[in-house]
């Protein structure tokens, strides 16, 4: 899940995949804007055929938090 998410992240910000770590913060470290983040969530929903709750997404700060949340959705 982490590797696939890192690939998706690279579609939205100019960061090398190898520079993305579980502790990377979307806004502060990776340079996401709110629009980039919401666009990425849409792609993730399509990619994994899941529905992301906006309230949950608003609380996600790091790549690892996103991975953990996505894993709970893909297990259902």
N, C-alpha and C. Protein backbone atom coordinates (compact mmCIF):
# COMPACT_ATOMS: atom_id res chain seq x y z
N UNK A 1 0.82 -1.19 0.00
CA UNK A 1 0.00 0.00 0.00
C UNK A 1 0.87 1.26 0.00
N UNK A 2 1.94 1.25 0.80
CA UNK A 2 2.81 2.43 0.88
C UNK A 2 3.41 2.76 -0.48
N UNK A 3 3.93 1.74 -1.17
CA UNK A 3 4.57 1.98 -2.48
C UNK A 3 3.58 2.54 -3.49
N UNK A 4 2.38 2.01 -3.53
CA UNK A 4 1.37 2.50 -4.48
C UNK A 4 0.98 3.93 -4.14
N UNK A 5 0.82 4.21 -2.85
CA UNK A 5 0.47 5.57 -2.45
C UNK A 5 1.60 6.54 -2.81
N UNK A 6 2.83 6.12 -2.62
CA UNK A 6 3.98 6.98 -2.97
C UNK A 6 3.97 7.30 -4.47
N UNK A 7 3.63 6.31 -5.28
CA UNK A 7 3.54 6.55 -6.73
C UNK A 7 2.46 7.58 -7.05
N UNK A 8 1.32 7.46 -6.39
CA UNK A 8 0.22 8.41 -6.61
C UNK A 8 0.64 9.81 -6.16
N UNK A 9 1.30 9.89 -5.02
CA UNK A 9 1.77 11.19 -4.50
C UNK A 9 2.64 11.89 -5.54
N UNK A 10 3.49 11.14 -6.21
CA UNK A 10 4.40 11.72 -7.21
C UNK A 10 3.65 12.31 -8.41
N UNK A 11 2.40 11.93 -8.61
CA UNK A 11 1.60 12.51 -9.68
C UNK A 11 1.14 13.93 -9.34
N UNK A 12 1.20 14.29 -8.07
CA UNK A 12 0.64 15.57 -7.63
C UNK A 12 1.68 16.59 -7.17
N UNK A 13 2.81 16.13 -6.70
CA UNK A 13 3.85 17.05 -6.24
C UNK A 13 5.20 16.59 -6.80
N UNK A 14 6.10 17.53 -6.93
CA UNK A 14 7.42 17.22 -7.48
C UNK A 14 8.34 16.72 -6.37
N UNK A 15 8.16 15.45 -6.03
CA UNK A 15 8.97 14.79 -5.01
C UNK A 15 9.39 13.44 -5.58
N UNK A 16 10.64 13.07 -5.38
CA UNK A 16 11.09 11.74 -5.81
C UNK A 16 10.50 10.69 -4.88
N UNK A 17 10.09 9.57 -5.47
CA UNK A 17 9.45 8.52 -4.69
C UNK A 17 10.33 8.08 -3.52
N UNK A 18 11.64 7.99 -3.75
CA UNK A 18 12.54 7.52 -2.69
C UNK A 18 12.67 8.53 -1.53
N UNK A 19 12.20 9.76 -1.75
CA UNK A 19 12.24 10.77 -0.68
C UNK A 19 10.97 10.79 0.17
N UNK A 20 10.00 9.95 -0.18
CA UNK A 20 8.76 9.88 0.59
C UNK A 20 8.91 8.81 1.66
N UNK A 21 8.67 9.21 2.91
CA UNK A 21 8.78 8.27 4.03
C UNK A 21 7.43 8.19 4.73
N UNK A 22 7.25 7.18 5.58
CA UNK A 22 5.98 7.10 6.33
C UNK A 22 5.71 8.35 7.16
N UNK A 23 6.77 9.02 7.61
CA UNK A 23 6.61 10.22 8.44
C UNK A 23 6.44 11.50 7.63
N UNK A 24 6.53 11.42 6.31
CA UNK A 24 6.38 12.63 5.48
C UNK A 24 4.99 13.22 5.68
N UNK A 25 4.95 14.53 5.92
CA UNK A 25 3.67 15.23 6.08
C UNK A 25 3.28 15.79 4.72
N UNK A 26 2.01 15.63 4.38
CA UNK A 26 1.55 16.02 3.05
C UNK A 26 1.79 17.50 2.77
N UNK A 27 1.35 18.37 3.65
CA UNK A 27 1.45 19.81 3.40
C UNK A 27 2.87 20.33 3.65
N UNK A 28 3.38 20.07 4.84
CA UNK A 28 4.65 20.66 5.25
C UNK A 28 5.86 20.09 4.51
N UNK A 29 5.92 18.76 4.36
CA UNK A 29 7.10 18.12 3.79
C UNK A 29 7.01 17.89 2.28
N UNK A 30 5.82 17.55 1.81
CA UNK A 30 5.68 17.19 0.40
C UNK A 30 5.17 18.33 -0.47
N UNK A 31 4.69 19.40 0.17
CA UNK A 31 4.27 20.58 -0.58
C UNK A 31 2.89 20.52 -1.18
N UNK A 32 2.02 19.68 -0.62
CA UNK A 32 0.65 19.59 -1.11
C UNK A 32 -0.12 20.87 -0.79
N UNK A 33 -1.00 21.25 -1.69
CA UNK A 33 -2.01 22.25 -1.38
C UNK A 33 -3.28 21.48 -1.03
N UNK A 34 -4.25 22.17 -0.49
CA UNK A 34 -5.53 21.50 -0.18
C UNK A 34 -6.14 20.92 -1.45
N UNK A 35 -6.04 21.65 -2.56
CA UNK A 35 -6.59 21.17 -3.83
C UNK A 35 -5.87 19.91 -4.29
N UNK A 36 -4.53 19.91 -4.19
CA UNK A 36 -3.75 18.72 -4.58
C UNK A 36 -4.20 17.51 -3.75
N UNK A 37 -4.36 17.74 -2.46
CA UNK A 37 -4.71 16.64 -1.56
C UNK A 37 -6.07 16.07 -1.90
N UNK A 38 -7.05 16.94 -2.13
CA UNK A 38 -8.39 16.47 -2.46
C UNK A 38 -8.40 15.76 -3.82
N UNK A 39 -7.64 16.27 -4.76
CA UNK A 39 -7.55 15.61 -6.07
C UNK A 39 -6.94 14.23 -5.93
N UNK A 40 -5.89 14.13 -5.12
CA UNK A 40 -5.24 12.84 -4.90
C UNK A 40 -6.22 11.86 -4.25
N UNK A 41 -7.03 12.33 -3.30
CA UNK A 41 -8.01 11.44 -2.67
C UNK A 41 -8.98 10.88 -3.69
N UNK A 42 -9.38 11.72 -4.65
CA UNK A 42 -10.27 11.24 -5.71
C UNK A 42 -9.63 10.13 -6.52
N UNK A 43 -8.35 10.30 -6.84
CA UNK A 43 -7.65 9.24 -7.60
C UNK A 43 -7.54 7.97 -6.77
N UNK A 44 -7.27 8.11 -5.49
CA UNK A 44 -7.17 6.94 -4.61
C UNK A 44 -8.50 6.20 -4.55
N UNK A 45 -9.59 6.95 -4.46
CA UNK A 45 -10.91 6.32 -4.44
C UNK A 45 -11.13 5.49 -5.71
N UNK A 46 -10.77 6.06 -6.85
CA UNK A 46 -10.92 5.34 -8.13
C UNK A 46 -9.99 4.13 -8.19
N UNK A 47 -8.75 4.33 -7.79
CA UNK A 47 -7.73 3.28 -7.87
C UNK A 47 -8.11 2.06 -7.04
N UNK A 48 -8.57 2.29 -5.83
CA UNK A 48 -8.83 1.19 -4.90
C UNK A 48 -10.31 0.85 -4.78
N UNK A 49 -11.16 1.57 -5.51
CA UNK A 49 -12.60 1.36 -5.48
C UNK A 49 -13.14 1.43 -4.04
N UNK A 50 -12.80 2.54 -3.38
CA UNK A 50 -13.23 2.78 -2.01
C UNK A 50 -13.84 4.17 -1.92
N UNK A 51 -14.47 4.46 -0.78
CA UNK A 51 -14.99 5.80 -0.54
C UNK A 51 -14.34 6.35 0.72
N UNK A 52 -13.69 7.49 0.58
CA UNK A 52 -12.98 8.12 1.68
C UNK A 52 -13.91 9.14 2.34
N UNK A 53 -14.03 9.04 3.65
CA UNK A 53 -14.85 10.00 4.40
C UNK A 53 -14.07 11.31 4.51
N UNK A 54 -14.70 12.41 4.12
CA UNK A 54 -14.03 13.72 4.13
C UNK A 54 -13.56 14.11 5.54
N UNK A 55 -14.35 13.76 6.55
CA UNK A 55 -13.97 14.10 7.93
C UNK A 55 -12.70 13.37 8.33
N UNK A 56 -12.60 12.10 7.95
CA UNK A 56 -11.40 11.32 8.26
C UNK A 56 -10.21 11.87 7.49
N UNK A 57 -10.43 12.17 6.21
CA UNK A 57 -9.35 12.67 5.36
C UNK A 57 -8.78 13.97 5.90
N UNK A 58 -9.63 14.81 6.47
CA UNK A 58 -9.19 16.10 7.00
C UNK A 58 -8.20 15.93 8.15
N UNK A 59 -8.24 14.80 8.82
CA UNK A 59 -7.34 14.56 9.95
C UNK A 59 -6.04 13.88 9.57
N UNK A 60 -5.89 13.51 8.32
CA UNK A 60 -4.69 12.81 7.88
C UNK A 60 -3.58 13.82 7.61
N UNK A 61 -2.46 13.64 8.29
CA UNK A 61 -1.33 14.55 8.14
C UNK A 61 -0.12 13.90 7.48
N UNK A 62 0.12 12.61 7.80
CA UNK A 62 1.32 11.94 7.29
C UNK A 62 0.96 10.81 6.32
N UNK A 63 1.96 10.40 5.57
CA UNK A 63 1.77 9.30 4.62
C UNK A 63 1.36 8.03 5.37
N UNK A 64 1.97 7.77 6.52
CA UNK A 64 1.63 6.56 7.28
C UNK A 64 0.19 6.60 7.76
N UNK A 65 -0.30 7.77 8.19
CA UNK A 65 -1.70 7.88 8.60
C UNK A 65 -2.62 7.55 7.43
N UNK A 66 -2.23 7.99 6.24
CA UNK A 66 -3.03 7.70 5.05
C UNK A 66 -3.01 6.20 4.75
N UNK A 67 -1.84 5.60 4.84
CA UNK A 67 -1.72 4.15 4.59
C UNK A 67 -2.59 3.38 5.59
N UNK A 68 -2.49 3.74 6.86
CA UNK A 68 -3.28 3.04 7.89
C UNK A 68 -4.77 3.14 7.61
N UNK A 69 -5.21 4.36 7.26
CA UNK A 69 -6.63 4.56 6.98
C UNK A 69 -7.06 3.78 5.74
N UNK A 70 -6.27 3.84 4.68
CA UNK A 70 -6.62 3.12 3.45
C UNK A 70 -6.66 1.62 3.67
N UNK A 71 -5.78 1.12 4.50
CA UNK A 71 -5.80 -0.32 4.79
C UNK A 71 -7.07 -0.72 5.49
N UNK A 72 -7.61 0.13 6.35
CA UNK A 72 -8.88 -0.22 7.01
C UNK A 72 -10.02 -0.25 5.99
N UNK A 73 -9.95 0.64 4.98
CA UNK A 73 -11.01 0.68 3.96
C UNK A 73 -10.93 -0.49 2.99
N UNK A 74 -9.71 -0.90 2.66
CA UNK A 74 -9.56 -1.98 1.67
C UNK A 74 -9.79 -3.35 2.29
N UNK A 75 -9.79 -3.44 3.62
CA UNK A 75 -10.06 -4.71 4.29
C UNK A 75 -11.55 -5.01 4.35
N UNK A 76 -12.36 -3.96 4.25
CA UNK A 76 -13.82 -4.14 4.41
C UNK A 76 -14.43 -4.85 3.22
